[in-house]
Protein backbone atom coordinates (compact mmCIF):
# COMPACT_ATOMS: atom_id res chain seq x y z
CA MET A 1 18.86 -1.10 17.56
CA ALA A 2 15.15 -0.92 19.31
CA VAL A 3 15.34 2.80 18.42
CA VAL A 4 16.60 2.35 14.84
CA VAL A 5 13.65 -0.58 14.45
CA ALA A 6 11.29 2.02 15.99
CA LEU A 7 12.20 4.66 13.60
CA GLY A 8 10.58 2.18 10.65
CA ALA A 9 7.61 2.02 12.76
CA PHE A 10 7.30 5.88 12.79
CA LEU A 11 6.90 5.68 9.11
CA MET A 12 5.12 3.02 8.88
CA THR A 13 2.67 5.05 11.26
CA LEU A 14 2.63 7.92 8.91
CA PHE A 15 2.29 5.70 5.95
CA GLY A 16 -1.05 4.42 7.03
CA GLY A 17 -2.27 7.65 7.71
CA TRP A 18 -1.44 8.50 4.37
CA VAL A 19 -3.24 6.48 2.80
CA ALA A 20 -6.35 7.11 4.94
CA GLN A 21 -6.30 10.45 3.65
CA ARG A 22 -5.47 9.56 0.22
CA VAL A 23 -8.94 7.79 -0.44
CA THR A 24 -11.29 9.93 0.85
CA ASP A 25 -13.85 9.58 -2.32
CA ARG A 26 -13.75 5.85 -1.07
CA ARG A 27 -14.79 6.54 2.37
CA HIS A 28 -17.15 3.58 3.00
CA LEU A 29 -14.29 1.07 2.07
CA VAL A 30 -11.42 3.00 4.28
CA LEU A 31 -14.29 2.71 7.46
CA GLY A 32 -14.89 -0.88 6.53
CA LEU A 33 -11.07 -1.81 6.35
CA ALA A 34 -10.44 0.09 9.59
CA GLY A 35 -12.97 -1.76 10.85
CA GLY A 36 -11.62 -4.98 10.22
CA LEU A 37 -8.35 -3.72 10.98
CA MET A 38 -9.03 -2.80 14.45
CA LEU A 39 -11.22 -6.38 15.22
CA GLY A 40 -8.22 -8.33 13.77
CA VAL A 41 -6.18 -6.31 16.28
CA VAL A 42 -8.25 -6.84 19.39
CA GLY A 43 -8.96 -10.88 18.64
CA LEU A 44 -5.82 -11.79 17.05
CA ASP A 45 -3.14 -9.73 18.94
CA LEU A 46 -4.10 -7.92 21.52
CA LEU A 47 -6.33 -10.11 23.81
CA PRO A 48 -3.81 -13.25 23.37
CA GLU A 49 -1.25 -11.02 24.84
CA ALA A 50 -3.43 -9.99 27.62
CA LEU A 51 -3.94 -13.48 28.19
CA GLU A 52 -0.61 -14.52 28.37
CA ALA A 53 0.44 -11.74 30.00
CA ALA A 54 -2.12 -10.89 32.49
CA GLY A 55 -3.90 -14.73 32.24
CA GLU A 56 -4.32 -14.90 36.26
CA LYS A 57 -8.38 -15.70 37.35
CA VAL A 58 -9.88 -13.40 39.82
CA PHE A 59 -13.16 -14.85 41.08
CA GLY A 60 -13.15 -17.48 38.29
CA VAL A 61 -12.39 -15.34 35.35
CA PRO A 62 -8.92 -14.28 33.75
CA GLU A 63 -7.83 -10.30 34.62
CA ALA A 64 -7.17 -9.67 31.02
CA LEU A 65 -10.62 -10.40 29.80
CA LEU A 66 -12.30 -8.70 32.81
CA LEU A 67 -10.41 -5.47 31.60
CA PHE A 68 -11.54 -6.47 28.52
CA VAL A 69 -15.18 -6.23 29.24
CA GLY A 70 -14.15 -2.91 31.48
CA GLY A 71 -12.50 -1.43 28.42
CA PHE A 72 -15.85 -1.86 26.37
CA LEU A 73 -18.39 -1.15 29.04
CA PHE A 74 -16.37 2.28 29.93
CA THR A 75 -15.81 3.14 26.52
CA HIS A 76 -19.96 2.71 26.17
CA VAL A 77 -20.30 4.81 29.46
CA VAL A 78 -18.76 7.66 28.18
CA GLU A 79 -19.73 7.82 24.73
CA ARG A 80 -23.63 7.58 26.46
CA LEU A 81 -22.74 10.51 29.09
CA LEU A 82 -21.63 12.88 26.11
CA ALA A 83 -25.05 11.71 24.41
CA VAL A 84 -26.66 13.30 27.08
CA ARG A 85 -24.63 16.64 27.37
CA ARG A 86 -24.59 16.83 23.86
CA ALA A 87 -28.60 16.26 24.17
CA ALA A 88 -29.04 18.74 27.13
CA HIS A 89 -27.07 21.29 24.89
CA GLY A 90 -29.50 20.67 21.66
CA VAL A 91 -27.16 18.96 19.72
CA GLY A 92 -28.85 15.98 17.23
CA ALA A 93 -28.21 12.38 18.96
CA ASP A 94 -26.62 11.46 15.30
CA GLU A 95 -23.51 14.31 15.92
CA ARG A 96 -20.54 12.66 17.10
CA ALA A 97 -18.78 13.94 19.84
CA PRO A 98 -14.67 15.10 18.70
CA GLN A 99 -13.81 14.12 22.44
CA VAL A 100 -14.39 10.26 21.92
CA GLY A 101 -12.73 10.55 18.58
CA LEU A 102 -9.66 12.32 20.50
CA THR A 103 -9.64 9.71 23.64
CA ALA A 104 -9.90 6.68 21.50
CA ALA A 105 -7.01 8.21 19.37
CA ALA A 106 -5.37 9.11 22.61
CA ALA A 107 -5.51 5.16 23.62
CA MET A 108 -3.86 4.16 20.37
CA VAL A 109 -0.95 6.83 20.94
CA LEU A 110 -0.77 4.98 24.39
CA HIS A 111 -0.87 1.25 22.81
CA SER A 112 2.09 2.77 20.09
CA LEU A 113 3.86 3.61 23.54
CA MET A 114 3.20 0.11 24.49
CA ASP A 115 4.84 -1.19 21.38
CA GLY A 116 7.92 0.83 21.80
CA ILE A 117 8.88 -0.58 24.88
CA ALA A 118 8.21 -4.23 24.19
CA LEU A 119 10.16 -3.97 21.32
CA GLY A 120 12.96 -2.11 23.74
CA ALA A 121 12.65 -4.95 26.10
CA ALA A 122 12.15 -7.95 23.23
CA PHE A 123 16.09 -6.72 22.47
CA GLN A 124 17.28 -6.86 25.66
CA VAL A 125 16.15 -10.28 25.77
CA GLY A 126 17.78 -10.99 22.33
CA GLY A 127 18.36 -10.31 18.74
CA GLY A 128 15.72 -13.07 17.87
CA MET A 129 13.42 -11.70 19.81
CA GLY A 130 13.90 -8.27 19.06
CA ALA A 131 13.47 -9.26 15.25
CA THR A 132 10.17 -10.99 15.92
CA VAL A 133 8.73 -8.30 17.67
CA ALA A 134 10.02 -5.78 15.10
CA LEU A 135 8.41 -7.75 12.41
CA ALA A 136 5.26 -7.06 14.36
CA VAL A 137 5.08 -3.75 15.12
CA ILE A 138 6.07 -2.56 12.16
CA THR A 139 3.66 -4.07 10.10
CA HIS A 140 0.62 -3.62 12.65
CA ASP A 141 1.62 0.08 12.63
CA PHE A 142 0.08 0.70 9.53
CA ALA A 143 -2.69 -0.08 10.91
CA ASP A 144 -2.36 2.09 13.89
CA GLY A 145 -1.50 5.02 11.46
CA PHE A 146 -4.46 4.37 9.13
CA ASN A 147 -6.98 3.83 12.24
CA THR A 148 -5.62 6.71 14.42
CA TYR A 149 -6.34 9.42 11.16
CA THR A 150 -9.31 7.44 10.55
CA ILE A 151 -11.21 7.70 14.17
CA THR A 152 -10.20 10.92 14.93
CA SER A 153 -11.49 12.70 11.65
CA LEU A 154 -14.61 10.38 11.76
CA TYR A 155 -15.72 11.89 14.96
CA GLY A 156 -15.95 15.51 13.50
CA ASN A 157 -12.57 16.65 14.61
CA ALA A 158 -10.75 19.07 12.17
CA ARG A 159 -7.84 17.65 9.83
CA ARG A 160 -5.18 19.37 11.36
CA LYS A 161 -6.06 17.78 14.78
CA ALA A 162 -6.26 14.41 13.28
CA LEU A 163 -2.91 15.09 11.60
CA ALA A 164 -1.40 16.06 14.84
CA MET A 165 -2.88 12.50 16.82
CA LEU A 166 -1.31 10.88 13.45
CA VAL A 167 2.54 12.29 14.44
CA ALA A 168 1.82 11.43 18.13
CA ASP A 169 1.19 8.08 17.51
CA ALA A 170 4.17 7.86 14.98
CA VAL A 171 6.54 9.26 17.34
CA ALA A 172 5.19 7.12 20.25
CA PRO A 173 7.15 3.77 19.11
CA LEU A 174 10.45 6.00 19.56
CA VAL A 175 9.85 6.99 22.81
CA GLY A 176 8.73 3.59 24.26
CA ALA A 177 11.81 1.93 22.93
CA ALA A 178 14.10 4.84 24.14
CA SER A 179 12.79 4.97 27.80
CA THR A 180 13.46 0.93 28.14
CA LEU A 181 16.85 2.22 28.82
CA LEU A 182 15.71 3.50 31.53
CA PHE A 183 13.17 0.90 33.05
CA THR A 184 10.87 -2.06 32.22
CA LEU A 185 7.34 -2.36 32.50
CA PRO A 186 5.99 -5.44 34.51
CA GLU A 187 4.49 -8.11 32.41
CA GLU A 188 1.24 -8.29 34.50
CA LEU A 189 0.52 -4.47 34.14
CA LEU A 190 0.92 -4.50 30.29
CA GLY A 191 -1.26 -7.12 30.08
CA SER A 192 -3.77 -5.42 31.72
CA TYR A 193 -3.42 -2.50 29.60
CA LEU A 194 -3.57 -4.37 26.39
CA GLY A 195 -7.17 -5.98 28.04
CA PHE A 196 -8.90 -2.72 28.42
CA PHE A 197 -7.73 -0.97 25.26
CA GLY A 198 -8.60 -4.06 23.32
CA GLY A 199 -12.12 -3.89 24.98
CA ALA A 200 -12.20 0.19 24.29
CA LEU A 201 -11.52 -0.90 20.80
CA LEU A 202 -13.47 -3.35 19.90
CA TYR A 203 -16.46 -1.22 21.21
CA LEU A 204 -15.70 1.67 19.00
CA ALA A 205 -15.08 -0.61 15.76
CA ALA A 206 -18.43 -2.47 16.47
CA SER A 207 -20.41 0.15 17.52
CA GLU A 208 -19.51 2.85 15.17
CA ILE A 209 -16.90 2.46 12.51
CA LEU A 210 -18.58 -0.60 11.13
CA PRO A 211 -22.28 0.64 11.01
CA GLU A 212 -20.99 3.60 9.92
CA ALA A 213 -19.20 2.27 7.12
CA HIS A 214 -22.52 0.35 6.05
CA HIS A 215 -24.74 3.25 6.36
CA THR A 216 -24.89 4.84 2.95
CA HIS A 217 -22.85 1.97 1.03
CA PRO A 218 -24.40 -1.48 1.88
CA ALA A 219 -21.94 -2.66 -0.98
CA ARG A 220 -20.19 -6.08 -0.79
CA SER A 221 -17.21 -4.45 -1.57
CA THR A 222 -17.49 -2.99 2.09
CA LEU A 223 -17.68 -6.35 3.65
CA LEU A 224 -14.75 -7.69 1.55
CA CYS A 225 -12.61 -4.77 2.72
CA THR A 226 -13.77 -5.61 6.49
CA VAL A 227 -12.80 -8.91 5.75
CA ALA A 228 -9.20 -7.97 4.08
CA GLY A 229 -8.61 -6.13 7.45
CA VAL A 230 -8.99 -8.74 9.58
CA ALA A 231 -6.84 -11.48 7.09
CA PHE A 232 -4.02 -8.95 7.31
CA ILE A 233 -3.71 -8.51 10.83
CA TRP A 234 -3.98 -12.75 11.04
CA LEU A 235 -0.68 -12.47 8.33
CA VAL A 236 0.85 -10.49 9.99
CA VAL A 237 0.55 -12.07 13.49
CA GLY A 238 1.16 -15.45 11.89
CA VAL A 239 4.19 -13.94 9.87
CA SER A 240 5.60 -13.08 13.35
CA GLY A 241 4.84 -15.92 15.01
CA GLY A 242 2.34 -14.52 17.42
């Protein structure tokens, strides 16, 4: 059953990527929405889950929050190192490194893999739990597909690479759900990963995607798209019961 439900996540991810491609003439709106979706996923979905799974304190601070900050700083350091490397090769500072986009997309693929594992584990607990997790996974995989394609192409990667990462993101839940027949991921490890990934995702949304969305089109409609993205994730979390 978990694998069958993961097929729905596969289709929803591809649909999210297709939407991101079709509205290229409104790029600022796409980026504004993507930034809102990413902000909503981090603040309303990933971080609460991470705190619940890995809430043990390390020197007074929950482990998940430490890794959240670590993920933010790690992404910042990687991007700065790439900027120094580009400058050494005479590349302009305003030109984005494709490797950053591919790395971020790869992290989203890993996140989708964890979604599949969570889905399989939920169905092992019971049908009711599986149905709740299934609703959350399928609905927010639209945002995953949308963001995976957007962030890969935003950093200057060719369309074929963006499509390849989109397909990988779509297949990941299927692989994750099937893998639960073989093993179960410890809850604390999953929480730690979610905290780290949330920090990385927040950095990309706040420092790259949202500023780019408002760079050439500081329109009210772009801001509304960002708010709509956050509201959509809030709706998903509320309907799925958190």
